[in-house]
């Protein structure tokens, strides 16, 4: 996928974990763990998105776009994935190797928007 493209996934809660499915890149119940899950909880609370456990839209890109809620900065490679920092919340979260299904290499910055699902 192009580094300038915008991707959309629909995370939801499964067995107490934030996960998402994306048949386009062969992912099923891909979990957010190691701080990324906590970032989602806090961002959803800040946005006031209700019923997000059933699914919400997570729009993301390596390029800034209108309506961005989060800006995550690359920190380091770790355990085959990559650690990103959400400076505004003073948090770090690990993104697993599935990140490379959306980017050719880990971007220096990931811009994200959270939206209620229809």
N, C-alpha and C. Protein backbone atom coordinates (compact mmCIF):
# COMPACT_ATOMS: atom_id res chain seq x y z
N UNK A 1 0.83 -1.19 0.00
CA UNK A 1 0.00 0.00 0.00
C UNK A 1 0.87 1.25 0.00
N UNK A 2 0.38 2.27 -0.58
CA UNK A 2 1.12 3.53 -0.67
C UNK A 2 1.20 4.21 0.68
N UNK A 3 2.34 4.83 0.95
CA UNK A 3 2.52 5.57 2.20
C UNK A 3 1.56 6.76 2.30
N UNK A 4 1.02 7.21 1.17
CA UNK A 4 0.10 8.35 1.19
C UNK A 4 -1.35 7.92 1.33
N UNK A 5 -1.59 6.62 1.34
CA UNK A 5 -2.97 6.15 1.42
C UNK A 5 -3.51 6.26 2.84
N UNK A 6 -4.81 6.33 2.92
CA UNK A 6 -5.50 6.31 4.20
C UNK A 6 -6.15 4.94 4.33
N UNK A 7 -5.93 4.30 5.46
CA UNK A 7 -6.51 2.99 5.73
C UNK A 7 -7.58 3.11 6.79
N UNK A 8 -8.52 2.17 6.78
CA UNK A 8 -9.59 2.14 7.76
C UNK A 8 -9.75 0.71 8.26
N UNK A 9 -9.78 0.55 9.58
CA UNK A 9 -10.09 -0.72 10.19
C UNK A 9 -11.21 -0.49 11.20
N UNK A 10 -11.83 -1.56 11.65
CA UNK A 10 -12.94 -1.45 12.61
C UNK A 10 -12.64 -2.30 13.84
N UNK A 11 -11.85 -1.76 14.78
CA UNK A 11 -11.58 -2.49 16.02
C UNK A 11 -12.86 -2.71 16.83
N UNK A 12 -12.87 -3.81 17.58
CA UNK A 12 -13.98 -4.15 18.45
C UNK A 12 -13.42 -4.98 19.62
N UNK A 13 -14.21 -5.11 20.66
CA UNK A 13 -13.78 -5.90 21.82
C UNK A 13 -14.17 -7.36 21.61
N UNK A 14 -13.20 -8.23 21.85
CA UNK A 14 -13.42 -9.67 21.80
C UNK A 14 -12.68 -10.28 22.98
N UNK A 15 -13.42 -10.97 23.85
CA UNK A 15 -12.83 -11.58 25.04
C UNK A 15 -12.02 -10.57 25.86
N UNK A 16 -12.50 -9.32 25.89
CA UNK A 16 -11.84 -8.28 26.68
C UNK A 16 -10.66 -7.60 26.00
N UNK A 17 -10.36 -7.99 24.77
CA UNK A 17 -9.24 -7.40 24.02
C UNK A 17 -9.75 -6.58 22.85
N UNK A 18 -9.03 -5.50 22.53
CA UNK A 18 -9.31 -4.78 21.28
C UNK A 18 -8.68 -5.58 20.16
N UNK A 19 -9.46 -5.94 19.16
CA UNK A 19 -8.99 -6.69 18.00
C UNK A 19 -9.62 -6.10 16.75
N UNK A 20 -9.11 -6.51 15.59
CA UNK A 20 -9.75 -6.12 14.34
C UNK A 20 -9.55 -7.21 13.31
N UNK A 21 -10.45 -7.21 12.33
CA UNK A 21 -10.37 -8.12 11.20
C UNK A 21 -10.14 -7.29 9.95
N UNK A 22 -9.32 -7.79 9.05
CA UNK A 22 -9.15 -7.14 7.76
C UNK A 22 -8.85 -8.21 6.72
N UNK A 23 -9.92 -8.73 6.10
CA UNK A 23 -9.73 -9.80 5.12
C UNK A 23 -8.84 -9.40 3.93
N UNK A 24 -8.74 -8.09 3.65
CA UNK A 24 -7.89 -7.64 2.53
C UNK A 24 -6.43 -8.00 2.75
N UNK A 25 -6.01 -8.10 4.03
CA UNK A 25 -4.61 -8.41 4.34
C UNK A 25 -4.50 -9.66 5.23
N UNK A 26 -5.54 -10.49 5.19
CA UNK A 26 -5.55 -11.78 5.89
C UNK A 26 -5.35 -11.68 7.40
N UNK A 27 -6.03 -10.73 8.04
CA UNK A 27 -5.96 -10.61 9.49
C UNK A 27 -7.34 -10.89 10.09
N UNK A 28 -7.35 -11.72 11.12
CA UNK A 28 -8.58 -12.05 11.85
C UNK A 28 -8.28 -11.94 13.34
N UNK A 29 -9.07 -11.16 14.03
CA UNK A 29 -8.91 -10.93 15.48
C UNK A 29 -7.47 -10.56 15.84
N UNK A 30 -6.90 -9.67 15.04
CA UNK A 30 -5.55 -9.17 15.31
C UNK A 30 -5.62 -8.26 16.53
N UNK A 31 -4.90 -8.58 17.60
CA UNK A 31 -5.06 -7.81 18.84
C UNK A 31 -4.18 -6.57 18.93
N UNK A 32 -4.69 -5.60 19.66
CA UNK A 32 -3.90 -4.46 20.11
C UNK A 32 -3.49 -4.78 21.55
N UNK A 33 -2.19 -4.78 21.84
CA UNK A 33 -1.69 -5.13 23.16
C UNK A 33 -0.57 -4.17 23.56
N UNK A 34 -0.01 -4.40 24.72
CA UNK A 34 1.21 -3.70 25.17
C UNK A 34 1.12 -2.18 25.08
N UNK A 35 0.03 -1.63 25.59
CA UNK A 35 -0.11 -0.17 25.63
C UNK A 35 -0.97 0.39 24.52
N UNK A 36 -0.98 -0.25 23.35
CA UNK A 36 -1.82 0.22 22.25
C UNK A 36 -3.30 0.10 22.64
N UNK A 37 -3.64 -0.93 23.40
CA UNK A 37 -5.01 -1.11 23.86
C UNK A 37 -5.43 0.01 24.82
N UNK A 38 -4.53 0.40 25.69
CA UNK A 38 -4.82 1.49 26.63
C UNK A 38 -4.95 2.82 25.90
N UNK A 39 -4.12 3.03 24.88
CA UNK A 39 -4.25 4.25 24.06
C UNK A 39 -5.64 4.32 23.43
N UNK A 40 -6.12 3.19 22.94
CA UNK A 40 -7.46 3.16 22.33
C UNK A 40 -8.51 3.52 23.38
N UNK A 41 -8.42 2.91 24.56
CA UNK A 41 -9.40 3.21 25.62
C UNK A 41 -9.44 4.70 25.93
N UNK A 42 -8.29 5.32 26.09
CA UNK A 42 -8.22 6.74 26.46
C UNK A 42 -8.71 7.63 25.32
N UNK A 43 -8.29 7.32 24.09
CA UNK A 43 -8.72 8.12 22.94
C UNK A 43 -10.23 8.03 22.76
N UNK A 44 -10.81 6.85 22.94
CA UNK A 44 -12.26 6.71 22.82
C UNK A 44 -12.98 7.49 23.90
N UNK A 45 -12.45 7.47 25.09
CA UNK A 45 -13.04 8.23 26.19
C UNK A 45 -12.99 9.73 25.90
N UNK A 46 -11.83 10.20 25.40
CA UNK A 46 -11.70 11.62 25.06
C UNK A 46 -12.67 12.03 23.96
N UNK A 47 -12.87 11.15 22.99
CA UNK A 47 -13.78 11.46 21.87
C UNK A 47 -15.24 11.30 22.27
N UNK A 48 -15.49 10.56 23.33
CA UNK A 48 -16.87 10.34 23.75
C UNK A 48 -17.63 9.39 22.84
N UNK A 49 -16.93 8.47 22.22
CA UNK A 49 -17.58 7.51 21.33
C UNK A 49 -18.24 6.42 22.17
N UNK A 50 -19.56 6.34 22.06
CA UNK A 50 -20.31 5.36 22.84
C UNK A 50 -20.43 4.05 22.08
N UNK A 51 -20.59 2.98 22.82
CA UNK A 51 -20.75 1.63 22.26
C UNK A 51 -19.60 1.22 21.36
N UNK A 52 -18.41 1.74 21.63
CA UNK A 52 -17.25 1.42 20.81
C UNK A 52 -16.86 -0.05 20.91
N UNK A 53 -17.22 -0.71 22.02
CA UNK A 53 -16.88 -2.13 22.17
C UNK A 53 -17.43 -2.96 21.02
N UNK A 54 -18.55 -2.52 20.45
CA UNK A 54 -19.16 -3.23 19.32
C UNK A 54 -18.44 -2.93 18.01
N UNK A 55 -17.57 -1.94 18.02
CA UNK A 55 -16.81 -1.57 16.83
C UNK A 55 -16.84 -0.08 16.60
N UNK A 56 -15.69 0.46 16.24
CA UNK A 56 -15.57 1.87 15.85
C UNK A 56 -14.62 1.91 14.67
N UNK A 57 -14.59 3.02 13.97
CA UNK A 57 -13.71 3.15 12.81
C UNK A 57 -12.42 3.82 13.24
N UNK A 58 -11.32 3.22 12.85
CA UNK A 58 -9.99 3.77 13.09
C UNK A 58 -9.39 4.07 11.72
N UNK A 59 -9.29 5.35 11.42
CA UNK A 59 -8.76 5.82 10.14
C UNK A 59 -7.31 6.23 10.39
N UNK A 60 -6.36 5.76 9.58
CA UNK A 60 -4.96 6.07 9.84
C UNK A 60 -4.14 6.19 8.57
N UNK A 61 -3.05 6.95 8.69
CA UNK A 61 -2.18 7.22 7.56
C UNK A 61 -0.82 7.69 8.06
N UNK A 62 0.17 7.59 7.21
CA UNK A 62 1.49 8.16 7.53
C UNK A 62 1.54 9.63 7.16
N UNK A 63 0.48 10.12 6.54
CA UNK A 63 0.37 11.52 6.13
C UNK A 63 -0.78 12.17 6.88
N UNK A 64 -0.54 13.38 7.39
CA UNK A 64 -1.60 14.10 8.11
C UNK A 64 -2.80 14.31 7.19
N UNK A 65 -3.99 14.21 7.77
CA UNK A 65 -5.23 14.44 7.03
C UNK A 65 -6.20 15.19 7.93
N UNK A 66 -7.23 15.83 7.37
CA UNK A 66 -8.17 16.61 8.17
C UNK A 66 -8.89 15.74 9.20
N UNK A 67 -9.04 16.26 10.41
CA UNK A 67 -9.78 15.57 11.45
C UNK A 67 -8.96 14.62 12.30
N UNK A 68 -7.64 14.68 12.20
CA UNK A 68 -6.77 13.79 12.96
C UNK A 68 -6.99 13.99 14.47
N UNK A 69 -7.10 12.87 15.20
CA UNK A 69 -7.24 12.89 16.65
C UNK A 69 -5.93 12.56 17.36
N UNK A 70 -5.15 11.68 16.76
CA UNK A 70 -3.91 11.21 17.39
C UNK A 70 -2.73 11.35 16.44
N UNK A 71 -1.61 11.71 17.01
CA UNK A 71 -0.35 11.72 16.27
C UNK A 71 0.62 10.85 17.07
N UNK A 72 1.01 9.74 16.48
CA UNK A 72 1.91 8.80 17.14
C UNK A 72 3.29 8.87 16.50
N UNK A 73 4.32 9.00 17.32
CA UNK A 73 5.69 9.13 16.84
C UNK A 73 6.46 7.84 17.10
N UNK A 74 7.20 7.38 16.10
CA UNK A 74 8.00 6.17 16.21
C UNK A 74 9.07 6.35 17.28
N UNK A 75 9.25 5.35 18.13
CA UNK A 75 10.25 5.38 19.18
C UNK A 75 11.36 4.38 18.89
N UNK A 76 10.98 3.10 18.66
CA UNK A 76 11.99 2.07 18.44
C UNK A 76 11.33 0.79 17.95
N UNK A 77 12.16 -0.10 17.42
CA UNK A 77 11.74 -1.45 17.08
C UNK A 77 11.83 -2.27 18.37
N UNK A 78 10.89 -3.19 18.57
CA UNK A 78 10.94 -4.02 19.77
C UNK A 78 10.14 -5.31 19.52
N UNK A 79 10.77 -6.43 19.75
CA UNK A 79 10.11 -7.74 19.65
C UNK A 79 9.42 -7.96 18.31
N UNK A 80 10.03 -7.51 17.23
CA UNK A 80 9.47 -7.69 15.90
C UNK A 80 8.43 -6.66 15.51
N UNK A 81 8.00 -5.85 16.47
CA UNK A 81 7.04 -4.78 16.18
C UNK A 81 7.69 -3.44 16.41
N UNK A 82 6.88 -2.42 16.60
CA UNK A 82 7.40 -1.07 16.76
C UNK A 82 6.65 -0.34 17.87
N UNK A 83 7.40 0.41 18.66
CA UNK A 83 6.83 1.20 19.75
C UNK A 83 6.59 2.62 19.24
N UNK A 84 5.40 3.13 19.53
CA UNK A 84 5.03 4.50 19.16
C UNK A 84 4.63 5.27 20.41
N UNK A 85 4.89 6.57 20.40
CA UNK A 85 4.59 7.45 21.51
C UNK A 85 3.44 8.39 21.13
N UNK A 86 2.47 8.49 22.01
CA UNK A 86 1.40 9.48 21.90
C UNK A 86 1.77 10.56 22.90
N UNK A 87 2.48 11.58 22.42
CA UNK A 87 3.06 12.60 23.31
C UNK A 87 2.03 13.33 24.14
N UNK A 88 0.88 13.66 23.54
CA UNK A 88 -0.15 14.42 24.25
C UNK A 88 -0.66 13.69 25.49
N UNK A 89 -0.63 12.37 25.46
CA UNK A 89 -1.11 11.57 26.59
C UNK A 89 0.05 10.98 27.39
N UNK A 90 1.28 11.27 26.96
CA UNK A 90 2.47 10.74 27.62
C UNK A 90 2.41 9.21 27.74
N UNK A 91 2.10 8.57 26.61
CA UNK A 91 1.94 7.11 26.58
C UNK A 91 2.73 6.51 25.44
N UNK A 92 3.10 5.26 25.62
CA UNK A 92 3.71 4.48 24.55
C UNK A 92 2.90 3.21 24.35
N UNK A 93 2.88 2.75 23.11
CA UNK A 93 2.19 1.51 22.78
C UNK A 93 2.94 0.77 21.69
N UNK A 94 2.86 -0.54 21.74
CA UNK A 94 3.55 -1.40 20.77
C UNK A 94 2.59 -1.81 19.67
N UNK A 95 3.02 -1.66 18.44
CA UNK A 95 2.24 -2.12 17.29
C UNK A 95 2.95 -3.31 16.69
N UNK A 96 2.23 -4.40 16.54
CA UNK A 96 2.82 -5.67 16.11
C UNK A 96 3.23 -5.61 14.63
N UNK A 97 3.89 -6.67 14.16
CA UNK A 97 4.35 -6.71 12.77
C UNK A 97 3.24 -6.56 11.73
N UNK A 98 1.97 -6.72 12.13
CA UNK A 98 0.86 -6.50 11.18
C UNK A 98 0.87 -5.08 10.63
N UNK A 99 1.54 -4.17 11.32
CA UNK A 99 1.68 -2.78 10.83
C UNK A 99 2.22 -2.77 9.40
N UNK A 100 3.09 -3.74 9.10
CA UNK A 100 3.72 -3.78 7.78
C UNK A 100 2.78 -4.32 6.70
N UNK A 101 1.57 -4.69 7.07
CA UNK A 101 0.55 -5.01 6.06
C UNK A 101 -0.02 -3.72 5.47
N UNK A 102 0.21 -2.60 6.18
CA UNK A 102 -0.34 -1.31 5.77
C UNK A 102 0.73 -0.32 5.31
N UNK A 103 1.96 -0.55 5.72
CA UNK A 103 3.08 0.34 5.37
C UNK A 103 4.27 -0.50 4.93
N UNK A 104 5.02 -0.03 3.94
CA UNK A 104 6.20 -0.75 3.46
C UNK A 104 7.26 -0.85 4.56
N UNK A 105 7.34 0.17 5.39
CA UNK A 105 8.23 0.18 6.55
C UNK A 105 7.54 0.99 7.63
N UNK A 106 7.93 0.82 8.89
CA UNK A 106 7.27 1.57 9.96
C UNK A 106 7.40 3.08 9.74
N UNK A 107 6.29 3.78 9.64
CA UNK A 107 6.38 5.23 9.44
C UNK A 107 6.90 5.95 10.67
N UNK A 108 7.54 7.07 10.46
CA UNK A 108 8.02 7.89 11.58
C UNK A 108 6.86 8.47 12.38
N UNK A 109 5.74 8.71 11.70
CA UNK A 109 4.56 9.25 12.35
C UNK A 109 3.33 8.55 11.79
N UNK A 110 2.41 8.23 12.68
CA UNK A 110 1.12 7.70 12.27
C UNK A 110 0.05 8.67 12.76
N UNK A 111 -0.79 9.10 11.84
CA UNK A 111 -1.90 9.99 12.15
C UNK A 111 -3.17 9.16 12.17
N UNK A 112 -4.01 9.37 13.18
CA UNK A 112 -5.20 8.54 13.31
C UNK A 112 -6.43 9.37 13.71
N UNK A 113 -7.56 8.89 13.29
CA UNK A 113 -8.85 9.49 13.64
C UNK A 113 -9.76 8.35 14.11
N UNK A 114 -10.50 8.58 15.16
CA UNK A 114 -11.46 7.61 15.67
C UNK A 114 -12.86 8.14 15.40
N UNK A 115 -13.72 7.26 14.87
CA UNK A 115 -15.08 7.67 14.52
C UNK A 115 -16.05 6.60 14.96
N UNK A 116 -17.24 7.01 15.32
CA UNK A 116 -18.28 6.05 15.64
C UNK A 116 -18.66 5.28 14.38
N UNK A 117 -18.90 4.00 14.54
CA UNK A 117 -19.35 3.19 13.40
C UNK A 117 -20.83 3.42 13.19
N UNK A 118 -21.27 3.30 11.97
CA UNK A 118 -22.69 3.50 11.66
C UNK A 118 -23.52 2.32 12.12
